């Protein structure tokens, strides 16, 4: 054999090596993409875990907030200007601010069309045709957190009987 034939690799061998190289490159690219997807998934799961943990605390806080609102609603009118009442109202505003900062918002009720996804009907009230199917009274407020219902609103619904 001459040196010329030894120096030139066979065309099939070059193609095989190029194919193998491309196969390894594709595998590496897939692995890199999988790793990036995994990183995104981990970040998403951490965020969900934080939201879930936060939700448990918020649900407990909502009970306190609702009771506080109810208590403030029963303060006699002649005591409205007293310092302690002003202080209580300020605390209620702070609680509301904390909830809003946690992306918690009250569900609209009175005057809204009854929606079983966000409202729970606890009573039907006879009403005129104009208010048929509308929420006429809120019994207990409902809340959404990050757009997801965490507590349905308990309501009375108007029903027109023909």
N, C-alpha and C. Protein backbone atom coordinates (compact mmCIF):
# COMPACT_ATOMS: atom_id res chain seq x y z
N UNK A 1 0.82 -1.18 0.00
CA UNK A 1 0.00 0.00 0.00
C UNK A 1 0.86 1.24 0.00
N UNK A 2 0.39 2.20 -0.72
CA UNK A 2 1.16 3.43 -0.77
C UNK A 2 0.72 4.35 0.35
N UNK A 3 1.53 5.38 0.59
CA UNK A 3 1.23 6.32 1.66
C UNK A 3 0.00 7.16 1.32
N UNK A 4 -0.29 7.34 0.05
CA UNK A 4 -1.45 8.14 -0.33
C UNK A 4 -2.75 7.48 0.13
N UNK A 5 -2.85 6.20 -0.02
CA UNK A 5 -4.09 5.53 0.38
C UNK A 5 -4.21 5.47 1.90
N UNK A 6 -3.09 5.42 2.60
CA UNK A 6 -3.13 5.40 4.06
C UNK A 6 -3.52 6.76 4.62
N UNK A 7 -3.10 7.84 4.03
CA UNK A 7 -3.32 9.18 4.55
C UNK A 7 -4.78 9.62 4.42
N UNK A 8 -5.45 9.15 3.40
CA UNK A 8 -6.83 9.56 3.21
C UNK A 8 -7.76 8.59 3.94
N UNK A 9 -8.57 9.13 4.86
CA UNK A 9 -9.54 8.24 5.49
C UNK A 9 -10.62 7.89 4.49
N UNK A 10 -11.22 6.79 4.70
CA UNK A 10 -12.29 6.36 3.81
C UNK A 10 -13.48 7.30 3.96
N UNK A 11 -14.16 7.62 2.83
CA UNK A 11 -15.31 8.52 2.88
C UNK A 11 -16.39 8.01 3.84
N UNK A 12 -16.61 6.74 3.88
CA UNK A 12 -17.63 6.19 4.77
C UNK A 12 -17.27 6.42 6.23
N UNK A 13 -16.01 6.32 6.54
CA UNK A 13 -15.54 6.51 7.91
C UNK A 13 -15.77 7.96 8.35
N UNK A 14 -15.50 8.93 7.46
CA UNK A 14 -15.72 10.35 7.75
C UNK A 14 -17.21 10.59 8.00
N UNK A 15 -18.04 10.04 7.16
CA UNK A 15 -19.48 10.21 7.31
C UNK A 15 -19.96 9.58 8.62
N UNK A 16 -19.41 8.42 8.94
CA UNK A 16 -19.79 7.76 10.19
C UNK A 16 -19.41 8.62 11.39
N UNK A 17 -18.19 9.17 11.35
CA UNK A 17 -17.73 10.01 12.46
C UNK A 17 -18.55 11.30 12.56
N UNK A 18 -18.88 11.90 11.41
CA UNK A 18 -19.71 13.10 11.42
C UNK A 18 -21.10 12.79 11.98
N UNK A 19 -21.66 11.67 11.58
CA UNK A 19 -22.98 11.26 12.08
C UNK A 19 -22.93 11.04 13.59
N UNK A 20 -21.87 10.38 14.05
CA UNK A 20 -21.71 10.11 15.47
C UNK A 20 -21.55 11.43 16.23
N UNK A 21 -20.76 12.34 15.67
CA UNK A 21 -20.55 13.66 16.27
C UNK A 21 -21.88 14.41 16.38
N UNK A 22 -22.66 14.40 15.31
CA UNK A 22 -23.97 15.06 15.31
C UNK A 22 -24.92 14.41 16.32
N UNK A 23 -24.84 13.10 16.42
CA UNK A 23 -25.67 12.37 17.39
C UNK A 23 -25.32 12.81 18.81
N UNK A 24 -24.03 12.90 19.11
CA UNK A 24 -23.59 13.34 20.44
C UNK A 24 -23.99 14.79 20.69
N UNK A 25 -23.86 15.63 19.66
CA UNK A 25 -24.22 17.04 19.79
C UNK A 25 -25.72 17.18 20.06
N UNK A 26 -26.53 16.42 19.32
CA UNK A 26 -27.98 16.45 19.54
C UNK A 26 -28.33 15.97 20.95
N UNK A 27 -27.67 14.91 21.39
CA UNK A 27 -27.90 14.40 22.74
C UNK A 27 -27.53 15.43 23.79
N UNK A 28 -26.43 16.11 23.58
CA UNK A 28 -26.00 17.14 24.52
C UNK A 28 -27.01 18.29 24.55
N UNK A 29 -27.50 18.69 23.36
CA UNK A 29 -28.49 19.77 23.30
C UNK A 29 -29.78 19.37 24.01
N UNK A 30 -30.21 18.11 23.83
CA UNK A 30 -31.41 17.63 24.51
C UNK A 30 -31.20 17.63 26.02
N UNK A 31 -30.04 17.17 26.45
CA UNK A 31 -29.74 17.14 27.89
C UNK A 31 -29.73 18.56 28.46
N UNK A 32 -29.17 19.50 27.71
CA UNK A 32 -29.13 20.88 28.17
C UNK A 32 -30.55 21.45 28.25
N UNK A 33 -31.38 21.16 27.27
CA UNK A 33 -32.77 21.63 27.28
C UNK A 33 -33.54 21.00 28.44
N UNK A 34 -33.31 19.70 28.67
CA UNK A 34 -33.96 19.02 29.80
C UNK A 34 -33.56 19.67 31.12
N UNK A 35 -32.29 19.99 31.25
CA UNK A 35 -31.80 20.61 32.48
C UNK A 35 -32.43 22.00 32.68
N UNK A 36 -32.53 22.77 31.61
CA UNK A 36 -33.16 24.09 31.72
C UNK A 36 -34.64 23.95 32.10
N UNK A 37 -35.32 22.96 31.52
CA UNK A 37 -36.72 22.72 31.87
C UNK A 37 -36.84 22.31 33.33
N UNK A 38 -35.90 21.50 33.79
CA UNK A 38 -35.90 21.08 35.19
C UNK A 38 -35.73 22.28 36.11
N UNK A 39 -34.81 23.17 35.76
CA UNK A 39 -34.60 24.37 36.57
C UNK A 39 -35.88 25.21 36.64
N UNK A 40 -36.56 25.38 35.50
CA UNK A 40 -37.80 26.14 35.47
C UNK A 40 -38.86 25.46 36.34
N UNK A 41 -38.93 24.13 36.25
CA UNK A 41 -39.90 23.37 37.03
C UNK A 41 -39.64 23.52 38.53
N UNK A 42 -38.38 23.48 38.93
CA UNK A 42 -38.02 23.64 40.34
C UNK A 42 -38.44 25.02 40.84
N UNK A 43 -38.18 26.05 40.05
CA UNK A 43 -38.58 27.41 40.43
C UNK A 43 -40.10 27.49 40.57
N UNK A 44 -40.81 26.89 39.63
CA UNK A 44 -42.28 26.90 39.66
C UNK A 44 -42.80 26.16 40.89
N UNK A 45 -42.21 25.01 41.19
CA UNK A 45 -42.65 24.23 42.35
C UNK A 45 -42.36 24.97 43.65
N UNK A 46 -41.22 25.64 43.73
CA UNK A 46 -40.90 26.42 44.93
C UNK A 46 -41.94 27.52 45.11
N UNK A 47 -42.28 28.18 44.02
CA UNK A 47 -43.27 29.25 44.07
C UNK A 47 -44.62 28.71 44.54
N UNK A 48 -45.01 27.56 44.00
CA UNK A 48 -46.28 26.93 44.40
C UNK A 48 -46.26 26.54 45.88
N UNK A 49 -45.13 26.02 46.35
CA UNK A 49 -45.00 25.63 47.75
C UNK A 49 -45.14 26.84 48.65
N UNK A 50 -44.51 27.93 48.26
CA UNK A 50 -44.60 29.17 49.05
C UNK A 50 -46.04 29.66 49.07
N UNK A 51 -46.70 29.64 47.91
CA UNK A 51 -48.09 30.08 47.85
C UNK A 51 -48.98 29.20 48.72
N UNK A 52 -48.73 27.88 48.71
CA UNK A 52 -49.54 26.95 49.49
C UNK A 52 -49.34 27.21 50.98
N UNK A 53 -48.09 27.37 51.40
CA UNK A 53 -47.80 27.65 52.80
C UNK A 53 -48.43 28.98 53.21
N UNK A 54 -48.33 29.95 52.34
CA UNK A 54 -48.90 31.26 52.61
C UNK A 54 -50.42 31.16 52.68
N UNK A 55 -51.00 30.32 51.86
CA UNK A 55 -52.46 30.17 51.82
C UNK A 55 -52.99 29.68 53.16
N UNK A 56 -52.31 28.71 53.78
CA UNK A 56 -52.77 28.19 55.06
C UNK A 56 -52.81 29.29 56.12
N UNK A 57 -51.78 30.10 56.15
CA UNK A 57 -51.73 31.21 57.11
C UNK A 57 -52.82 32.23 56.79
N UNK A 58 -52.98 32.54 55.51
CA UNK A 58 -53.98 33.52 55.09
C UNK A 58 -55.38 33.06 55.47
N UNK A 59 -55.67 31.77 55.27
CA UNK A 59 -57.00 31.26 55.61
C UNK A 59 -57.30 31.45 57.10
N UNK A 60 -56.30 31.23 57.94
CA UNK A 60 -56.49 31.46 59.37
C UNK A 60 -56.68 32.95 59.66
N UNK A 61 -55.91 33.77 58.98
CA UNK A 61 -56.00 35.21 59.17
C UNK A 61 -57.36 35.75 58.69
N UNK A 62 -57.91 35.14 57.65
CA UNK A 62 -59.21 35.58 57.14
C UNK A 62 -60.31 35.42 58.18
N UNK A 63 -60.23 34.35 58.95
CA UNK A 63 -61.22 34.13 60.00
C UNK A 63 -61.16 35.27 61.03
N UNK A 64 -59.95 35.64 61.42
CA UNK A 64 -59.77 36.75 62.36
C UNK A 64 -60.26 38.06 61.72
N UNK A 65 -59.90 38.28 60.47
CA UNK A 65 -60.30 39.50 59.76
C UNK A 65 -61.83 39.62 59.68
N UNK A 66 -62.50 38.51 59.32
CA UNK A 66 -63.96 38.53 59.22
C UNK A 66 -64.61 38.84 60.57
N UNK A 67 -64.10 38.21 61.63
CA UNK A 67 -64.64 38.46 62.96
C UNK A 67 -64.40 39.91 63.39
N UNK A 68 -63.24 40.42 63.04
CA UNK A 68 -62.90 41.81 63.36
C UNK A 68 -63.86 42.76 62.64
N UNK A 69 -64.11 42.49 61.34
CA UNK A 69 -65.05 43.33 60.58
C UNK A 69 -66.44 43.29 61.19
N UNK A 70 -66.85 42.10 61.62
CA UNK A 70 -68.17 41.96 62.20
C UNK A 70 -68.25 42.75 63.52
N UNK A 71 -67.20 42.66 64.33
CA UNK A 71 -67.18 43.39 65.60
C UNK A 71 -67.22 44.90 65.37
N UNK A 72 -66.46 45.37 64.40
CA UNK A 72 -66.45 46.81 64.08
C UNK A 72 -67.84 47.25 63.61
N UNK A 73 -68.52 46.38 62.90
CA UNK A 73 -69.86 46.70 62.42
C UNK A 73 -70.88 46.84 63.53
N UNK A 74 -70.58 46.32 64.71
CA UNK A 74 -71.51 46.39 65.84
C UNK A 74 -71.15 47.49 66.85
N UNK A 75 -70.20 48.33 66.51
CA UNK A 75 -69.84 49.44 67.41
C UNK A 75 -70.99 50.44 67.38
N UNK A 76 -71.51 50.82 68.55
CA UNK A 76 -72.62 51.79 68.58
C UNK A 76 -72.22 53.11 67.92
N UNK A 77 -73.17 53.70 67.24
CA UNK A 77 -72.92 54.94 66.49
C UNK A 77 -72.40 56.06 67.39
N UNK A 78 -72.88 56.14 68.61
CA UNK A 78 -72.47 57.23 69.50
C UNK A 78 -71.02 57.09 69.98
N UNK A 79 -70.39 55.93 69.71
CA UNK A 79 -68.99 55.73 70.11
C UNK A 79 -68.00 55.86 68.95
N UNK A 80 -68.49 56.15 67.76
CA UNK A 80 -67.65 56.20 66.56
C UNK A 80 -66.46 57.14 66.67
N UNK A 81 -66.59 58.23 67.39
CA UNK A 81 -65.51 59.23 67.46
C UNK A 81 -64.51 58.96 68.58
N UNK A 82 -64.75 57.93 69.37
CA UNK A 82 -63.84 57.64 70.49
C UNK A 82 -62.51 57.09 69.97
N UNK A 83 -61.46 57.40 70.72
CA UNK A 83 -60.11 57.01 70.30
C UNK A 83 -59.96 55.50 70.09
N UNK A 84 -60.52 54.71 70.99
CA UNK A 84 -60.35 53.26 70.87
C UNK A 84 -61.02 52.74 69.60
N UNK A 85 -62.13 53.34 69.19
CA UNK A 85 -62.82 52.92 67.96
C UNK A 85 -61.96 53.29 66.75
N UNK A 86 -61.38 54.48 66.79
CA UNK A 86 -60.50 54.91 65.70
C UNK A 86 -59.31 53.96 65.59
N UNK A 87 -58.76 53.55 66.74
CA UNK A 87 -57.64 52.60 66.76
C UNK A 87 -58.03 51.24 66.20
N UNK A 88 -59.21 50.77 66.57
CA UNK A 88 -59.70 49.48 66.07
C UNK A 88 -59.87 49.54 64.55
N UNK A 89 -60.42 50.63 64.04
CA UNK A 89 -60.60 50.78 62.59
C UNK A 89 -59.25 50.82 61.87
N UNK A 90 -58.26 51.44 62.51
CA UNK A 90 -56.92 51.49 61.93
C UNK A 90 -56.32 50.07 61.84
N UNK A 91 -56.52 49.28 62.88
CA UNK A 91 -56.02 47.89 62.87
C UNK A 91 -56.71 47.11 61.76
N UNK A 92 -58.00 47.32 61.59
CA UNK A 92 -58.74 46.65 60.52
C UNK A 92 -58.18 47.02 59.15
N UNK A 93 -57.84 48.29 58.95
CA UNK A 93 -57.23 48.73 57.68
C UNK A 93 -55.88 48.05 57.47
N UNK A 94 -55.10 47.91 58.54
CA UNK A 94 -53.80 47.24 58.44
C UNK A 94 -53.98 45.78 58.03
N UNK A 95 -54.94 45.10 58.64
CA UNK A 95 -55.21 43.70 58.27
C UNK A 95 -55.59 43.60 56.80
N UNK A 96 -56.45 44.50 56.35
CA UNK A 96 -56.87 44.50 54.94
C UNK A 96 -55.67 44.73 54.03
N UNK A 97 -54.79 45.63 54.41
CA UNK A 97 -53.59 45.91 53.62
C UNK A 97 -52.68 44.69 53.53
N UNK A 98 -52.53 43.99 54.64
CA UNK A 98 -51.71 42.76 54.65
C UNK A 98 -52.30 41.74 53.68
N UNK A 99 -53.61 41.58 53.72
CA UNK A 99 -54.26 40.62 52.82
C UNK A 99 -54.10 41.04 51.36
N UNK A 100 -54.27 42.30 51.07
CA UNK A 100 -54.12 42.78 49.69
C UNK A 100 -52.70 42.59 49.19
N UNK A 101 -51.71 42.81 50.06
CA UNK A 101 -50.31 42.59 49.68
C UNK A 101 -50.01 41.12 49.40
N UNK A 102 -50.83 40.24 49.97
CA UNK A 102 -50.68 38.80 49.71
C UNK A 102 -51.58 38.37 48.55
N UNK A 103 -52.07 39.32 47.76
CA UNK A 103 -52.92 39.06 46.59
C UNK A 103 -54.25 38.43 46.96
N UNK A 104 -54.78 38.80 48.13
CA UNK A 104 -56.09 38.32 48.58
C UNK A 104 -57.10 39.43 48.36
N UNK A 105 -58.20 39.07 47.68
CA UNK A 105 -59.24 40.06 47.39
C UNK A 105 -60.60 39.46 47.69
N UNK A 106 -61.48 40.31 48.18
CA UNK A 106 -62.82 39.87 48.52
C UNK A 106 -63.63 39.64 47.23
N UNK A 107 -64.44 38.60 47.25
CA UNK A 107 -65.30 38.28 46.11
C UNK A 107 -66.52 39.20 46.15
N UNK A 108 -66.85 39.77 45.00
CA UNK A 108 -68.03 40.63 44.91
C UNK A 108 -69.29 39.79 45.10
N UNK A 109 -70.26 40.35 45.83
CA UNK A 109 -71.46 39.56 46.12
C UNK A 109 -72.74 40.32 45.79
N UNK A 110 -73.17 41.22 46.65
CA UNK A 110 -74.48 41.86 46.53
C UNK A 110 -74.61 42.57 45.18
N UNK A 111 -75.69 42.21 44.48
CA UNK A 111 -75.96 42.79 43.17
C UNK A 111 -75.35 42.01 42.02
N UNK A 112 -74.49 41.05 42.34
CA UNK A 112 -73.85 40.23 41.30
C UNK A 112 -74.74 39.03 40.97
N UNK A 113 -74.61 38.52 39.75
CA UNK A 113 -75.32 37.31 39.36
C UNK A 113 -74.73 36.15 40.15
N UNK A 114 -75.59 35.28 40.69
CA UNK A 114 -75.12 34.14 41.47
C UNK A 114 -74.21 33.27 40.61
N UNK A 115 -73.04 32.96 41.14
CA UNK A 115 -72.06 32.13 40.44
C UNK A 115 -71.60 31.04 41.40
N UNK A 116 -71.98 29.78 41.15
CA UNK A 116 -71.64 28.70 42.09
C UNK A 116 -70.14 28.46 42.25
N UNK A 117 -69.33 29.01 41.36
CA UNK A 117 -67.89 28.85 41.50
C UNK A 117 -67.33 29.73 42.62
N UNK A 118 -68.02 30.83 42.92
CA UNK A 118 -67.52 31.74 43.95
C UNK A 118 -68.53 32.02 45.06
N UNK A 119 -69.79 31.63 44.83
CA UNK A 119 -70.85 31.86 45.82
C UNK A 119 -71.44 30.53 46.28
N UNK A 120 -71.82 30.48 47.54
CA UNK A 120 -72.56 29.34 48.07
C UNK A 120 -73.90 29.89 48.57
N UNK A 121 -74.99 29.41 47.96
CA UNK A 121 -76.31 29.90 48.35
C UNK A 121 -76.72 29.23 49.66
N UNK A 122 -76.99 30.03 50.68
CA UNK A 122 -77.43 29.49 51.96
C UNK A 122 -78.93 29.70 52.15
N UNK A 123 -79.51 30.54 51.30
CA UNK A 123 -80.94 30.81 51.39
C UNK A 123 -81.42 31.45 50.10
N UNK A 124 -82.69 31.15 49.77
CA UNK A 124 -83.33 31.81 48.64
C UNK A 124 -84.34 32.80 49.20
N UNK A 125 -84.35 33.99 48.62
CA UNK A 125 -85.23 35.05 49.10
C UNK A 125 -86.16 35.45 47.96
N UNK A 126 -87.47 35.52 48.27
CA UNK A 126 -88.44 35.95 47.26
C UNK A 126 -88.13 37.39 46.88
N UNK A 127 -88.12 37.64 45.57
CA UNK A 127 -87.76 38.97 45.09
C UNK A 127 -88.51 39.28 43.80
N UNK A 128 -88.37 40.49 43.33
CA UNK A 128 -89.01 40.87 42.07
C UNK A 128 -88.21 40.27 40.91
N UNK A 129 -88.79 40.36 39.73
CA UNK A 129 -88.18 39.76 38.54
C UNK A 129 -86.81 40.36 38.23
N UNK A 130 -86.63 41.63 38.54
CA UNK A 130 -85.38 42.34 38.25
C UNK A 130 -84.20 41.75 39.03
N UNK A 131 -84.45 41.23 40.23
CA UNK A 131 -83.37 40.70 41.08
C UNK A 131 -83.29 39.18 41.06
N UNK A 132 -84.03 38.55 40.16
CA UNK A 132 -84.02 37.09 40.06
C UNK A 132 -82.62 36.59 39.70
N UNK A 133 -82.10 35.68 40.50
CA UNK A 133 -80.78 35.10 40.23
C UNK A 133 -79.62 35.95 40.70
N UNK A 134 -79.92 37.08 41.33
CA UNK A 134 -78.86 37.95 41.84
C UNK A 134 -78.65 37.72 43.33
N UNK A 135 -77.44 37.98 43.78
CA UNK A 135 -77.14 37.91 45.21
C UNK A 135 -77.77 39.14 45.85
N UNK A 136 -78.64 38.90 46.85
CA UNK A 136 -79.32 40.01 47.51
C UNK A 136 -78.72 40.33 48.87
N UNK A 137 -78.00 39.38 49.45
CA UNK A 137 -77.37 39.63 50.75
C UNK A 137 -76.16 38.72 50.93
N UNK A 138 -75.13 39.27 51.55
CA UNK A 138 -73.93 38.49 51.86
C UNK A 138 -74.03 38.04 53.32
N UNK A 139 -73.91 36.73 53.53
CA UNK A 139 -73.94 36.19 54.88
C UNK A 139 -72.51 36.12 55.43
N UNK A 140 -71.60 35.66 54.58
CA UNK A 140 -70.18 35.58 54.96
C UNK A 140 -69.36 35.87 53.71
N UNK A 141 -68.37 36.75 53.82
CA UNK A 141 -67.58 37.09 52.62
C UNK A 141 -66.74 35.93 52.12
N UNK A 142 -66.45 35.98 50.84
CA UNK A 142 -65.56 35.00 50.22
C UNK A 142 -64.32 35.71 49.71
N UNK A 143 -63.26 34.93 49.44
CA UNK A 143 -61.99 35.53 49.05
C UNK A 143 -61.31 34.73 47.96
N UNK A 144 -60.54 35.46 47.14
CA UNK A 144 -59.66 34.86 46.14
C UNK A 144 -58.24 35.24 46.48
N UNK A 145 -57.32 34.33 46.19
CA UNK A 145 -55.90 34.60 46.38
C UNK A 145 -55.20 34.22 45.09
N UNK A 146 -54.49 35.16 44.50
CA UNK A 146 -53.85 34.96 43.20
C UNK A 146 -54.87 34.47 42.17
N UNK A 147 -56.09 35.01 42.27
CA UNK A 147 -57.15 34.67 41.32
C UNK A 147 -57.84 33.35 41.58
N UNK A 148 -57.43 32.62 42.61
CA UNK A 148 -58.01 31.31 42.91
C UNK A 148 -58.89 31.45 44.17
N UNK A 149 -60.09 30.87 44.12
CA UNK A 149 -61.00 30.95 45.26
C UNK A 149 -60.42 30.16 46.43
N UNK A 150 -60.29 30.84 47.58
CA UNK A 150 -59.81 30.13 48.77
C UNK A 150 -60.92 30.03 49.82
N UNK A 151 -61.96 30.83 49.64
CA UNK A 151 -63.13 30.74 50.52
C UNK A 151 -64.32 31.28 49.74
N UNK A 152 -65.33 30.42 49.52
CA UNK A 152 -66.51 30.88 48.79
C UNK A 152 -67.32 31.82 49.66
N UNK A 153 -68.02 32.73 49.02
CA UNK A 153 -68.89 33.67 49.74
C UNK A 153 -70.23 32.99 49.99
N UNK A 154 -70.70 33.06 51.22
CA UNK A 154 -72.02 32.51 51.56
C UNK A 154 -73.02 33.64 51.38
N UNK A 155 -74.04 33.38 50.56
CA UNK A 155 -74.95 34.45 50.15
C UNK A 155 -76.41 34.01 50.15
N UNK A 156 -77.28 35.02 50.12
CA UNK A 156 -78.71 34.80 49.91
C UNK A 156 -79.00 35.23 48.48
N UNK A 157 -79.77 34.40 47.77
CA UNK A 157 -80.02 34.63 46.35
C UNK A 157 -81.49 34.97 46.13
N UNK A 158 -81.73 35.98 45.32
CA UNK A 158 -83.09 36.37 44.99
C UNK A 158 -83.71 35.42 43.98
N UNK A 159 -84.97 35.03 44.26
CA UNK A 159 -85.69 34.13 43.36
C UNK A 159 -87.07 34.73 43.11
N UNK A 160 -87.38 34.93 41.83
CA UNK A 160 -88.70 35.47 41.46
C UNK A 160 -89.63 34.30 41.20
N UNK A 161 -90.71 34.25 41.96
CA UNK A 161 -91.70 33.18 41.78
C UNK A 161 -92.85 33.73 40.96
N UNK A 162 -93.10 33.07 39.85
CA UNK A 162 -94.12 33.54 38.91
C UNK A 162 -95.49 33.06 39.29
